N, C-alpha and C. Protein backbone atom coordinates (compact mmCIF):
# COMPACT_ATOMS: atom_id res chain seq x y z
N MET A 1 19.71 54.76 -36.16
CA MET A 1 21.19 54.38 -36.13
C MET A 1 22.06 55.58 -36.50
N SER A 2 21.71 56.45 -37.55
CA SER A 2 22.58 57.64 -37.84
C SER A 2 22.60 58.55 -36.70
N ALA A 3 21.33 58.56 -36.05
CA ALA A 3 21.19 59.85 -34.76
C ALA A 3 22.00 59.23 -33.80
N THR A 4 22.16 57.89 -33.60
CA THR A 4 22.86 57.53 -32.46
C THR A 4 24.44 57.82 -32.63
N ARG A 5 24.75 57.57 -33.97
CA ARG A 5 26.24 57.77 -34.45
C ARG A 5 26.38 59.25 -34.22
N ALA A 6 25.56 60.05 -34.64
CA ALA A 6 25.81 61.56 -34.73
C ALA A 6 25.99 61.98 -32.92
N VAL A 7 25.18 61.39 -32.25
CA VAL A 7 25.16 61.76 -30.76
C VAL A 7 26.73 61.31 -30.31
N ALA A 8 26.98 60.11 -30.66
CA ALA A 8 28.31 59.48 -29.97
C ALA A 8 29.42 60.32 -30.71
N GLY A 9 29.26 60.81 -31.94
CA GLY A 9 30.30 61.55 -32.45
C GLY A 9 30.40 62.84 -31.77
N SER A 10 29.24 63.52 -31.45
CA SER A 10 29.30 64.67 -30.87
C SER A 10 30.05 64.50 -29.44
N ARG A 11 29.73 63.62 -28.74
CA ARG A 11 30.21 63.31 -27.39
C ARG A 11 31.90 63.01 -27.53
N PHE A 12 32.18 62.42 -28.60
CA PHE A 12 33.76 62.11 -28.72
C PHE A 12 34.40 63.38 -29.04
N ASP A 13 33.79 64.22 -29.96
CA ASP A 13 34.43 65.61 -30.17
C ASP A 13 34.52 66.35 -28.75
N THR A 14 33.41 66.35 -28.00
CA THR A 14 33.54 67.05 -26.60
C THR A 14 34.62 66.63 -25.94
N ILE A 15 34.98 65.24 -25.87
CA ILE A 15 35.79 64.86 -25.06
C ILE A 15 37.24 64.96 -25.55
N ASN A 16 37.44 65.01 -26.85
CA ASN A 16 38.61 65.35 -27.44
C ASN A 16 39.11 66.79 -26.95
N LYS A 17 37.93 67.78 -27.28
CA LYS A 17 38.18 69.17 -26.87
C LYS A 17 38.67 69.29 -25.41
N ARG A 18 38.05 68.76 -24.70
CA ARG A 18 38.36 68.68 -23.20
C ARG A 18 39.90 68.28 -23.00
N ALA A 19 40.14 67.05 -23.56
CA ALA A 19 41.56 66.67 -23.35
C ALA A 19 42.54 67.56 -24.07
N GLU A 20 42.29 68.41 -25.19
CA GLU A 20 43.01 69.23 -25.71
C GLU A 20 43.36 70.48 -24.61
N VAL A 21 42.15 70.68 -24.02
CA VAL A 21 42.45 72.01 -22.96
C VAL A 21 43.17 71.69 -21.79
N MET A 22 42.95 70.24 -21.36
CA MET A 22 43.43 69.87 -20.21
C MET A 22 44.99 69.35 -20.31
N THR A 23 45.27 69.02 -21.40
CA THR A 23 46.54 68.29 -21.84
C THR A 23 47.61 69.47 -22.18
N PRO A 24 48.74 69.85 -21.63
CA PRO A 24 49.56 70.99 -22.19
C PRO A 24 50.14 70.59 -23.33
N GLY A 25 50.38 71.41 -24.23
CA GLY A 25 51.16 71.26 -25.46
C GLY A 25 52.49 71.37 -25.40
N TYR A 26 53.37 71.18 -26.29
CA TYR A 26 54.77 71.05 -26.45
C TYR A 26 55.50 72.44 -25.95
N HIS A 27 54.66 73.51 -26.56
CA HIS A 27 55.28 75.03 -26.15
C HIS A 27 54.97 75.09 -24.77
N ASP A 28 53.59 74.67 -24.13
CA ASP A 28 53.53 74.79 -22.79
C ASP A 28 54.52 74.07 -22.01
N ILE A 29 54.94 72.90 -22.46
CA ILE A 29 55.80 71.80 -21.49
C ILE A 29 57.21 72.73 -21.49
N ILE A 30 57.58 73.29 -22.65
CA ILE A 30 58.87 73.90 -22.52
C ILE A 30 58.96 75.27 -21.62
N LEU A 31 57.93 75.89 -21.81
CA LEU A 31 57.83 77.08 -20.98
C LEU A 31 57.80 76.74 -19.54
N SER A 32 57.02 75.78 -19.28
CA SER A 32 57.04 75.18 -17.86
C SER A 32 58.34 74.67 -17.27
N SER A 33 59.17 74.02 -18.31
CA SER A 33 60.40 73.57 -17.97
C SER A 33 61.56 74.71 -17.72
N LYS A 34 61.39 75.68 -18.46
CA LYS A 34 62.12 76.68 -18.41
C LYS A 34 61.86 77.55 -16.97
N TYR A 35 60.55 77.64 -16.81
CA TYR A 35 60.05 78.29 -15.42
C TYR A 35 60.71 77.45 -14.14
N MET A 36 60.69 76.16 -14.43
CA MET A 36 61.12 75.49 -13.14
C MET A 36 62.62 75.40 -12.95
N ALA A 37 63.30 75.53 -14.15
CA ALA A 37 64.81 75.79 -14.03
C ALA A 37 65.21 77.06 -13.51
N ALA A 38 64.73 78.10 -13.95
CA ALA A 38 64.72 79.33 -13.48
C ALA A 38 64.31 79.39 -11.88
N SER A 39 63.35 78.93 -11.50
CA SER A 39 63.05 78.74 -10.08
C SER A 39 63.87 77.92 -9.32
N THR A 40 64.55 76.71 -10.01
CA THR A 40 65.65 76.18 -9.15
C THR A 40 66.90 77.05 -9.01
N ARG A 41 67.18 77.65 -9.97
CA ARG A 41 68.41 78.57 -9.89
C ARG A 41 68.18 79.58 -8.79
N THR A 42 66.96 80.22 -8.74
CA THR A 42 66.66 81.12 -7.74
C THR A 42 66.73 80.67 -6.48
N ASP A 43 66.19 79.42 -6.14
CA ASP A 43 66.04 78.87 -5.04
C ASP A 43 67.57 78.43 -4.56
N ARG A 44 68.35 78.07 -5.36
CA ARG A 44 69.76 77.72 -5.13
C ARG A 44 70.44 78.87 -4.46
N GLN A 45 70.22 80.04 -5.51
CA GLN A 45 70.94 81.30 -5.04
C GLN A 45 70.42 81.86 -3.65
N SER A 46 68.98 81.78 -3.47
CA SER A 46 68.42 82.21 -2.28
C SER A 46 69.07 81.48 -0.98
N ALA A 47 69.18 80.11 -1.35
CA ALA A 47 69.93 79.14 -0.37
C ALA A 47 71.31 79.43 -0.07
N GLY A 48 72.07 79.81 -1.07
CA GLY A 48 73.28 80.25 -0.84
C GLY A 48 73.40 81.37 0.02
N THR A 49 72.65 82.51 -0.09
CA THR A 49 72.67 83.72 0.49
C THR A 49 72.41 83.63 1.75
N ALA A 50 71.52 82.45 2.11
CA ALA A 50 70.86 82.20 3.33
C ALA A 50 71.83 81.41 4.34
N LEU A 51 72.76 81.01 3.84
CA LEU A 51 73.83 80.14 4.63
C LEU A 51 74.26 81.20 5.61
N PRO A 52 74.86 80.40 6.92
CA PRO A 52 75.82 81.31 7.95
C PRO A 52 76.92 81.77 7.06
N ASP A 53 77.66 82.75 7.87
CA ASP A 53 78.80 83.30 7.34
C ASP A 53 79.94 82.38 7.10
N VAL A 54 80.20 81.42 8.13
CA VAL A 54 81.11 80.44 8.01
C VAL A 54 80.90 79.47 6.88
N LEU A 55 79.71 79.09 6.44
CA LEU A 55 79.43 78.16 5.51
C LEU A 55 79.58 78.94 4.02
N ARG A 56 79.03 80.11 4.15
CA ARG A 56 79.31 80.89 2.70
C ARG A 56 80.76 81.22 2.54
N PHE A 57 81.43 81.23 3.48
CA PHE A 57 82.94 81.36 3.34
C PHE A 57 83.65 79.98 2.57
N MET A 58 83.16 79.04 3.34
CA MET A 58 83.45 77.58 2.67
C MET A 58 83.17 77.50 1.36
N GLN A 59 81.68 77.94 1.18
CA GLN A 59 81.11 77.62 -0.24
C GLN A 59 82.12 78.43 -1.22
N LEU A 60 82.61 79.49 -0.94
CA LEU A 60 83.43 80.34 -1.91
C LEU A 60 84.91 79.53 -1.90
N LEU A 61 85.43 79.05 -0.92
CA LEU A 61 86.66 78.21 -0.77
C LEU A 61 86.76 77.18 -1.77
N TRP A 62 85.34 76.50 -1.73
CA TRP A 62 85.21 75.14 -2.55
C TRP A 62 85.05 75.49 -3.97
N ALA A 63 84.41 76.69 -4.22
CA ALA A 63 84.56 77.16 -5.61
C ALA A 63 85.64 77.62 -6.22
N VAL A 64 86.61 78.32 -5.27
CA VAL A 64 88.03 78.44 -5.70
C VAL A 64 88.88 77.15 -6.08
N VAL A 65 88.81 76.24 -4.86
CA VAL A 65 89.35 74.95 -5.21
C VAL A 65 89.08 74.35 -6.58
N HIS A 66 87.74 74.13 -6.72
CA HIS A 66 87.10 73.42 -8.11
C HIS A 66 87.64 74.26 -9.27
N GLY A 67 87.75 75.49 -9.22
CA GLY A 67 88.16 76.41 -10.19
C GLY A 67 89.78 75.94 -10.62
N LEU A 68 90.45 76.02 -9.48
CA LEU A 68 91.89 75.65 -9.60
C LEU A 68 92.09 74.54 -10.15
N GLU A 69 91.28 73.44 -9.85
CA GLU A 69 91.47 72.02 -10.45
C GLU A 69 91.14 71.94 -11.69
N LYS A 70 90.09 72.63 -12.25
CA LYS A 70 89.76 72.53 -13.65
C LYS A 70 90.70 73.37 -14.56
N ALA A 71 91.28 74.50 -13.98
CA ALA A 71 92.40 75.21 -14.63
C ALA A 71 93.46 74.32 -14.61
N SER A 72 94.05 73.63 -13.57
CA SER A 72 95.05 72.83 -13.56
C SER A 72 95.07 71.77 -14.70
N LYS A 73 93.77 71.21 -14.91
CA LYS A 73 93.70 70.07 -15.92
C LYS A 73 93.88 70.74 -17.46
N ARG A 74 93.24 71.92 -17.41
CA ARG A 74 93.29 72.55 -18.86
C ARG A 74 94.70 72.99 -19.15
N MET A 75 95.40 73.29 -18.21
CA MET A 75 96.79 73.78 -18.21
C MET A 75 97.79 72.63 -18.57
N ALA A 76 97.39 71.49 -18.11
CA ALA A 76 98.15 70.40 -18.47
C ALA A 76 98.02 70.05 -19.96
N GLY A 77 96.77 70.08 -20.44
CA GLY A 77 96.58 69.86 -21.79
C GLY A 77 97.20 70.78 -22.61
N ASP A 78 97.24 72.12 -22.19
CA ASP A 78 97.84 73.03 -23.03
C ASP A 78 99.30 73.29 -23.00
N ILE A 79 99.89 73.35 -21.84
CA ILE A 79 101.32 73.35 -21.83
C ILE A 79 102.02 72.14 -21.33
N GLY A 80 101.55 71.21 -20.65
CA GLY A 80 102.04 70.03 -20.30
C GLY A 80 102.35 69.77 -18.67
N VAL A 81 101.95 70.90 -18.00
CA VAL A 81 102.19 70.78 -16.58
C VAL A 81 100.90 71.10 -15.74
N THR A 82 100.74 70.58 -14.68
CA THR A 82 99.75 71.01 -13.69
C THR A 82 99.84 72.05 -13.06
N GLY A 83 98.86 72.59 -12.23
CA GLY A 83 99.14 73.67 -11.38
C GLY A 83 100.24 73.39 -10.33
N PRO A 84 100.39 72.46 -9.80
CA PRO A 84 101.30 72.36 -8.69
C PRO A 84 102.87 72.21 -9.30
N GLN A 85 102.66 71.60 -10.61
CA GLN A 85 104.14 71.50 -11.17
C GLN A 85 104.52 72.82 -11.69
N ARG A 86 103.64 73.54 -12.35
CA ARG A 86 103.82 74.98 -12.71
C ARG A 86 104.19 75.79 -11.77
N LEU A 87 103.60 75.77 -10.55
CA LEU A 87 104.06 76.57 -9.41
C LEU A 87 105.38 76.22 -8.97
N ALA A 88 105.82 74.77 -9.04
CA ALA A 88 107.23 74.35 -8.67
C ALA A 88 108.27 75.11 -9.74
N LEU A 89 107.93 75.07 -10.85
CA LEU A 89 108.75 75.49 -11.83
C LEU A 89 108.98 77.07 -11.65
N ARG A 90 107.88 77.84 -11.39
CA ARG A 90 107.92 79.20 -11.29
C ARG A 90 108.92 79.45 -10.02
N VAL A 91 108.80 78.80 -8.99
CA VAL A 91 109.61 79.17 -7.77
C VAL A 91 111.12 78.74 -8.04
N VAL A 92 111.28 77.72 -8.56
CA VAL A 92 112.71 77.33 -9.10
C VAL A 92 113.34 78.10 -10.01
N GLY A 93 112.60 78.74 -10.88
CA GLY A 93 113.01 79.92 -11.76
C GLY A 93 113.25 81.01 -11.11
N LEU A 94 112.48 81.40 -10.16
CA LEU A 94 112.77 82.69 -9.49
C LEU A 94 113.90 82.47 -8.24
N PHE A 95 114.20 81.41 -7.81
CA PHE A 95 115.25 81.19 -6.98
C PHE A 95 116.00 79.99 -7.54
N PRO A 96 116.83 79.95 -8.42
CA PRO A 96 117.64 79.01 -9.02
C PRO A 96 118.60 78.44 -7.81
N GLY A 97 118.72 77.14 -7.80
CA GLY A 97 119.61 76.59 -6.87
C GLY A 97 118.74 76.40 -5.57
N VAL A 98 117.68 76.41 -5.41
CA VAL A 98 116.72 76.14 -4.23
C VAL A 98 116.82 74.56 -3.75
N SER A 99 116.77 74.33 -2.56
CA SER A 99 116.76 73.11 -2.30
C SER A 99 115.42 72.46 -2.33
N ALA A 100 115.40 71.17 -2.20
CA ALA A 100 113.92 70.52 -2.29
C ALA A 100 113.32 70.61 -1.01
N GLY A 101 113.91 70.74 0.11
CA GLY A 101 113.31 71.14 1.40
C GLY A 101 112.74 72.53 1.47
N ASP A 102 113.46 73.39 0.93
CA ASP A 102 113.04 74.90 0.84
C ASP A 102 112.08 74.95 0.03
N LEU A 103 112.07 74.42 -1.09
CA LEU A 103 110.85 74.39 -1.95
C LEU A 103 109.56 73.86 -1.46
N ALA A 104 109.74 72.80 -0.63
CA ALA A 104 108.38 72.12 0.01
C ALA A 104 107.84 73.17 1.12
N ALA A 105 108.80 73.74 1.75
CA ALA A 105 108.19 74.92 2.64
C ALA A 105 107.68 76.05 1.98
N VAL A 106 108.11 76.43 0.86
CA VAL A 106 107.47 77.80 0.27
C VAL A 106 106.19 77.29 -0.40
N LEU A 107 105.96 76.00 -0.83
CA LEU A 107 104.79 75.58 -1.47
C LEU A 107 103.78 75.16 -0.52
N HIS A 108 104.18 74.74 0.82
CA HIS A 108 103.41 74.38 1.91
C HIS A 108 102.83 72.74 1.28
N LEU A 109 103.94 72.19 1.12
CA LEU A 109 103.74 70.63 0.55
C LEU A 109 104.49 69.91 1.58
N HIS A 110 104.09 68.65 1.86
CA HIS A 110 104.86 67.63 2.56
C HIS A 110 106.04 67.09 1.64
N PRO A 111 107.16 67.00 2.04
CA PRO A 111 108.31 66.59 1.23
C PRO A 111 108.01 65.26 0.34
N SER A 112 107.16 64.41 1.04
CA SER A 112 106.95 63.16 0.17
C SER A 112 106.03 63.45 -0.94
N THR A 113 105.15 64.38 -0.84
CA THR A 113 104.35 65.01 -1.97
C THR A 113 105.24 65.52 -2.94
N LEU A 114 106.18 66.46 -2.66
CA LEU A 114 106.69 67.32 -3.47
C LEU A 114 107.52 66.40 -4.31
N THR A 115 108.12 65.26 -3.73
CA THR A 115 109.02 64.29 -4.19
C THR A 115 108.39 63.82 -5.54
N GLY A 116 107.21 63.43 -5.42
CA GLY A 116 106.45 63.09 -6.86
C GLY A 116 106.31 64.06 -7.78
N VAL A 117 106.10 65.40 -7.48
CA VAL A 117 106.08 66.51 -8.40
C VAL A 117 107.39 66.70 -9.11
N LEU A 118 108.35 66.55 -8.18
CA LEU A 118 109.74 66.75 -8.77
C LEU A 118 110.21 65.67 -9.80
N GLN A 119 109.84 64.35 -9.51
CA GLN A 119 110.00 63.35 -10.30
C GLN A 119 109.34 63.50 -11.64
N ARG A 120 108.14 63.74 -11.65
CA ARG A 120 107.36 63.98 -12.96
C ARG A 120 108.10 65.00 -14.05
N LEU A 121 108.44 66.34 -13.05
CA LEU A 121 109.18 67.25 -13.80
C LEU A 121 110.43 66.78 -14.37
N ALA A 122 111.17 66.03 -13.62
CA ALA A 122 112.34 65.63 -14.00
C ALA A 122 112.23 64.50 -15.25
N ALA A 123 111.13 63.75 -15.30
CA ALA A 123 110.84 62.88 -16.33
C ALA A 123 110.62 63.53 -17.53
N GLN A 124 109.96 64.78 -17.36
CA GLN A 124 109.80 65.61 -18.51
C GLN A 124 110.60 66.50 -19.09
N ARG A 125 112.03 66.35 -18.31
CA ARG A 125 113.23 66.96 -18.64
C ARG A 125 112.86 68.62 -18.56
N LEU A 126 112.13 68.70 -17.53
CA LEU A 126 111.87 70.26 -16.96
C LEU A 126 112.76 70.64 -16.08
N LEU A 127 113.24 69.83 -15.26
CA LEU A 127 113.96 70.28 -14.06
C LEU A 127 115.19 69.30 -13.60
N GLY A 128 116.08 69.67 -13.21
CA GLY A 128 117.31 68.69 -13.09
C GLY A 128 117.83 69.16 -11.53
N ARG A 129 118.53 68.14 -11.03
CA ARG A 129 119.23 68.25 -9.63
C ARG A 129 120.64 68.32 -9.99
N VAL A 130 121.34 69.32 -9.25
CA VAL A 130 122.67 69.59 -9.44
C VAL A 130 123.47 69.64 -8.10
N ASP A 131 124.72 69.43 -8.12
CA ASP A 131 125.36 69.40 -6.66
C ASP A 131 125.37 71.07 -6.37
N ASP A 132 125.41 71.30 -5.20
CA ASP A 132 125.35 72.49 -4.54
C ASP A 132 126.90 72.84 -4.39
N PRO A 133 127.25 73.96 -5.16
CA PRO A 133 128.53 74.38 -5.23
C PRO A 133 129.20 74.66 -3.73
N GLY A 134 128.36 75.06 -2.88
CA GLY A 134 128.89 75.16 -1.51
C GLY A 134 128.89 73.91 -0.74
N ASP A 135 128.28 72.94 -1.00
CA ASP A 135 128.17 71.73 -0.39
C ASP A 135 127.74 70.46 -1.11
N ARG A 136 129.12 69.75 -1.50
CA ARG A 136 128.89 68.65 -2.60
C ARG A 136 127.82 67.61 -2.10
N ARG A 137 127.77 67.55 -0.77
CA ARG A 137 126.77 66.55 -0.39
C ARG A 137 125.21 66.94 -0.40
N ARG A 138 125.13 67.90 -0.83
CA ARG A 138 123.52 68.54 -1.02
C ARG A 138 123.48 68.92 -2.29
N SER A 139 122.29 68.40 -2.82
CA SER A 139 121.72 68.64 -4.34
C SER A 139 120.73 69.85 -4.30
N VAL A 140 120.63 70.42 -5.23
CA VAL A 140 119.63 71.84 -5.35
C VAL A 140 119.11 71.69 -6.91
N LEU A 141 118.04 72.41 -6.99
CA LEU A 141 117.23 72.42 -8.31
C LEU A 141 117.44 73.44 -9.16
N ARG A 142 117.37 73.26 -10.35
CA ARG A 142 117.56 74.12 -11.56
C ARG A 142 116.68 73.78 -12.70
N LEU A 143 116.16 74.86 -13.44
CA LEU A 143 115.45 74.55 -14.64
C LEU A 143 116.29 74.29 -15.71
N THR A 144 115.91 73.22 -16.61
CA THR A 144 116.52 72.74 -17.76
C THR A 144 116.16 73.87 -18.98
N ALA A 145 116.87 73.90 -20.06
CA ALA A 145 116.48 74.80 -21.11
C ALA A 145 114.94 74.49 -21.59
N ARG A 146 114.47 73.36 -21.50
CA ARG A 146 113.05 73.07 -21.81
C ARG A 146 112.15 73.62 -20.62
N GLY A 147 112.49 73.50 -19.39
CA GLY A 147 111.75 73.87 -18.25
C GLY A 147 111.79 75.42 -18.36
N ALA A 148 112.91 75.94 -18.65
CA ALA A 148 112.87 77.58 -18.76
C ALA A 148 111.80 78.09 -19.78
N GLN A 149 111.56 77.41 -20.99
CA GLN A 149 110.74 77.67 -21.94
C GLN A 149 109.26 77.57 -21.39
N VAL A 150 109.05 76.52 -20.68
CA VAL A 150 107.64 76.32 -20.05
C VAL A 150 107.47 77.38 -18.93
N ASN A 151 108.48 77.60 -18.21
CA ASN A 151 108.17 78.65 -17.14
C ASN A 151 108.20 80.02 -17.65
N ALA A 152 108.36 80.26 -18.87
CA ALA A 152 108.30 81.54 -19.57
C ALA A 152 106.85 81.77 -20.01
N ALA A 153 106.28 80.73 -20.25
CA ALA A 153 104.79 80.68 -20.87
C ALA A 153 103.99 81.21 -19.95
N ARG A 154 103.02 82.09 -20.33
CA ARG A 154 101.97 82.86 -19.55
C ARG A 154 100.55 82.54 -19.83
N ARG A 155 100.28 82.55 -21.13
CA ARG A 155 98.95 82.30 -21.73
C ARG A 155 98.40 80.98 -21.27
N GLY A 156 97.33 80.96 -20.71
CA GLY A 156 96.48 79.86 -20.30
C GLY A 156 96.95 79.28 -19.00
N THR A 157 97.65 80.04 -18.23
CA THR A 157 98.24 79.47 -16.95
C THR A 157 97.29 79.84 -15.81
N VAL A 158 97.48 79.25 -14.71
CA VAL A 158 96.78 79.42 -13.56
C VAL A 158 97.04 80.82 -13.07
N GLU A 159 98.27 81.47 -12.95
CA GLU A 159 98.53 82.45 -12.14
C GLU A 159 98.15 83.76 -13.22
N LEU A 160 98.15 83.58 -14.39
CA LEU A 160 97.50 84.71 -15.30
C LEU A 160 96.07 84.88 -14.90
N ALA A 161 95.29 84.03 -14.51
CA ALA A 161 93.91 84.00 -14.24
C ALA A 161 93.74 84.85 -13.04
N VAL A 162 94.64 84.22 -12.09
CA VAL A 162 94.62 85.04 -10.70
C VAL A 162 95.06 86.35 -10.79
N ALA A 163 96.24 86.75 -11.73
CA ALA A 163 96.75 87.98 -11.95
C ALA A 163 95.55 89.00 -12.52
N GLU A 164 94.86 88.47 -13.45
CA GLU A 164 93.80 89.35 -14.08
C GLU A 164 92.53 89.52 -13.17
N ALA A 165 92.34 88.49 -12.20
CA ALA A 165 91.30 88.74 -11.03
C ALA A 165 91.66 89.89 -10.07
N LEU A 166 93.04 89.81 -9.90
CA LEU A 166 93.60 90.93 -8.92
C LEU A 166 93.67 92.33 -9.58
N GLU A 167 93.65 92.31 -10.83
CA GLU A 167 93.87 93.80 -11.35
C GLU A 167 92.96 94.70 -10.63
N SER A 168 91.66 94.31 -10.56
CA SER A 168 90.57 95.39 -10.22
C SER A 168 90.37 95.29 -8.62
N VAL A 169 91.39 94.54 -7.79
CA VAL A 169 91.47 94.61 -6.38
C VAL A 169 92.32 95.48 -5.89
N SER A 170 91.90 96.34 -4.81
CA SER A 170 92.91 97.33 -4.32
C SER A 170 93.92 96.54 -3.41
N ALA A 171 95.05 97.40 -3.23
CA ALA A 171 96.23 96.63 -2.52
C ALA A 171 95.74 96.46 -1.02
N ARG A 172 94.76 97.28 -0.52
CA ARG A 172 94.45 97.11 0.73
C ARG A 172 93.33 95.81 0.93
N ASP A 173 92.72 95.63 -0.06
CA ASP A 173 91.89 94.25 0.01
C ASP A 173 92.62 93.24 -0.28
N ARG A 174 93.86 93.25 -1.15
CA ARG A 174 94.60 92.14 -1.22
C ARG A 174 95.37 91.57 0.13
N THR A 175 96.00 92.91 0.73
CA THR A 175 96.51 92.65 1.98
C THR A 175 95.61 91.88 2.83
N ALA A 176 94.29 92.35 3.10
CA ALA A 176 93.38 91.71 4.10
C ALA A 176 93.01 90.32 3.73
N THR A 177 92.87 90.18 2.37
CA THR A 177 92.58 88.76 1.91
C THR A 177 93.74 87.78 2.02
N ARG A 178 94.92 88.33 2.13
CA ARG A 178 96.04 87.48 2.13
C ARG A 178 95.99 86.86 3.69
N ARG A 179 95.73 88.15 4.56
CA ARG A 179 95.76 87.82 5.94
C ARG A 179 94.98 86.87 6.56
N VAL A 180 93.84 86.99 5.81
CA VAL A 180 92.74 85.86 6.20
C VAL A 180 92.96 84.48 5.74
N LEU A 181 93.42 84.31 4.60
CA LEU A 181 93.99 83.24 4.07
C LEU A 181 94.93 82.46 4.70
N GLU A 182 96.03 83.21 5.24
CA GLU A 182 97.30 82.92 5.81
C GLU A 182 96.67 82.26 7.33
N ARG A 183 95.80 82.95 8.00
CA ARG A 183 95.23 82.70 9.31
C ARG A 183 94.52 81.36 9.01
N LEU A 184 93.75 81.27 7.94
CA LEU A 184 92.91 79.86 7.74
C LEU A 184 93.93 78.91 7.42
N ALA A 185 94.94 78.99 6.81
CA ALA A 185 95.92 77.85 6.46
C ALA A 185 96.74 77.40 7.70
N ARG A 186 96.94 78.34 8.76
CA ARG A 186 97.38 77.99 9.92
C ARG A 186 96.58 77.11 10.67
N GLN A 187 95.28 77.64 10.76
CA GLN A 187 94.23 76.82 11.56
C GLN A 187 93.90 75.49 11.08
N LEU A 188 93.99 75.16 9.62
CA LEU A 188 93.71 74.05 9.16
C LEU A 188 95.01 73.06 9.22
N GLU A 189 96.01 73.67 9.41
CA GLU A 189 97.23 72.84 9.57
C GLU A 189 97.58 72.22 10.96
N SER A 190 96.71 73.01 11.95
CA SER A 190 96.84 72.40 13.35
C SER A 190 96.30 71.05 13.51
N PRO A 191 96.72 70.33 14.30
CA PRO A 191 96.42 68.95 14.52
C PRO A 191 94.88 68.59 14.81
N ALA A 192 94.36 69.62 15.66
CA ALA A 192 92.99 69.35 15.97
C ALA A 192 92.20 70.90 15.79
N PRO A 193 91.76 71.23 14.58
CA PRO A 193 91.20 72.60 14.47
C PRO A 193 90.10 72.94 15.35
N GLY A 194 90.09 73.83 16.07
CA GLY A 194 89.11 74.39 17.29
C GLY A 194 89.58 74.11 18.43
N ALA A 195 90.57 73.24 18.57
CA ALA A 195 90.99 72.94 20.16
C ALA A 195 91.79 73.78 20.83
N ARG A 196 92.23 74.94 20.16
CA ARG A 196 93.10 75.67 20.77
C ARG A 196 92.40 76.72 21.90
N GLY A 197 93.16 76.96 22.99
CA GLY A 197 92.38 77.70 24.05
C GLY A 197 92.23 79.15 23.75
N PRO A 198 91.64 79.88 24.58
CA PRO A 198 91.63 81.26 24.47
C PRO A 198 92.87 82.12 24.23
N ALA A 199 93.73 81.66 25.21
CA ALA A 199 95.10 82.32 25.12
C ALA A 199 95.71 82.36 23.62
N SER A 200 95.71 81.05 23.06
CA SER A 200 96.38 80.80 21.76
C SER A 200 95.57 81.71 20.50
N ALA A 201 94.25 81.79 20.75
CA ALA A 201 93.48 82.56 19.87
C ALA A 201 93.86 84.02 19.93
N ARG A 202 93.99 84.61 21.30
CA ARG A 202 94.30 86.04 21.33
C ARG A 202 95.83 86.24 20.88
N LYS A 203 96.55 85.17 21.11
CA LYS A 203 98.18 85.44 20.35
C LYS A 203 98.02 85.30 19.00
N SER A 204 97.04 84.62 18.48
CA SER A 204 96.92 84.50 16.94
C SER A 204 96.41 86.06 16.40
N ARG A 205 95.64 86.48 17.19
CA ARG A 205 94.88 87.69 16.71
C ARG A 205 95.83 88.88 16.88
N ARG A 206 96.73 88.75 17.97
CA ARG A 206 97.72 89.92 18.09
C ARG A 206 98.73 89.70 16.96
N ALA A 207 99.14 88.48 16.51
CA ALA A 207 100.02 88.32 15.26
C ALA A 207 99.50 88.97 14.15
N ASP A 208 98.24 88.69 13.82
CA ASP A 208 97.50 89.27 12.72
C ASP A 208 97.60 90.74 12.71
N ARG A 209 97.13 91.34 13.95
CA ARG A 209 97.25 92.79 14.11
C ARG A 209 98.53 93.31 13.62
N ARG A 210 99.63 92.74 13.93
CA ARG A 210 100.98 93.12 13.85
C ARG A 210 101.37 93.01 12.30
N LYS A 211 100.84 91.90 11.61
CA LYS A 211 101.03 92.01 10.12
C LYS A 211 100.24 92.95 9.29
N GLY A 212 99.13 93.42 10.15
CA GLY A 212 98.43 94.28 9.30
C GLY A 212 98.91 95.82 9.52
N GLY A 213 99.73 95.92 10.44
CA GLY A 213 100.53 97.25 10.67
C GLY A 213 99.67 98.00 11.71
């Protein structure tokens, strides 16, 4: 009986040892997870660089849009205005007495969209409408005293982040980037992107060359 138990115990120990060899420990699982995460990041980076030029450009544009949205939300918590509201304040601060229509053109916003921005700024007592001295039938926009304070803030704003990024960019690269973005904006604003004929495309390229000097 004792011999049988000894044999059984020996087999049980052998099975346990094999199981220990075959079963990964906690440390092995952690190392494997880290390896898989690193491999996933590498695969994503490889996939990003393998994209065609147009998709890589769009990838960067979406990254910028996502960054602007995050910065806008953060700025709303810090100084009380979002990115679009801040930009409207900045333009009105630079051009006191600008009309709502002219402001919409500068910001590339539809007038109905700008109306909501202006209403929120007015509700916060940051912006006011006054009669145009040259035409009483027309109202223009001016910053309130409180609006001037918010307009003067720089820390934590979207434009400060953009300014810091542009510090290391040459004037030539800035001009080239601005030209590309302007052309892209025009293309996206067209009723049917990609529907223009060859003549329109050549005209657009000539306009871009004139701007580039």
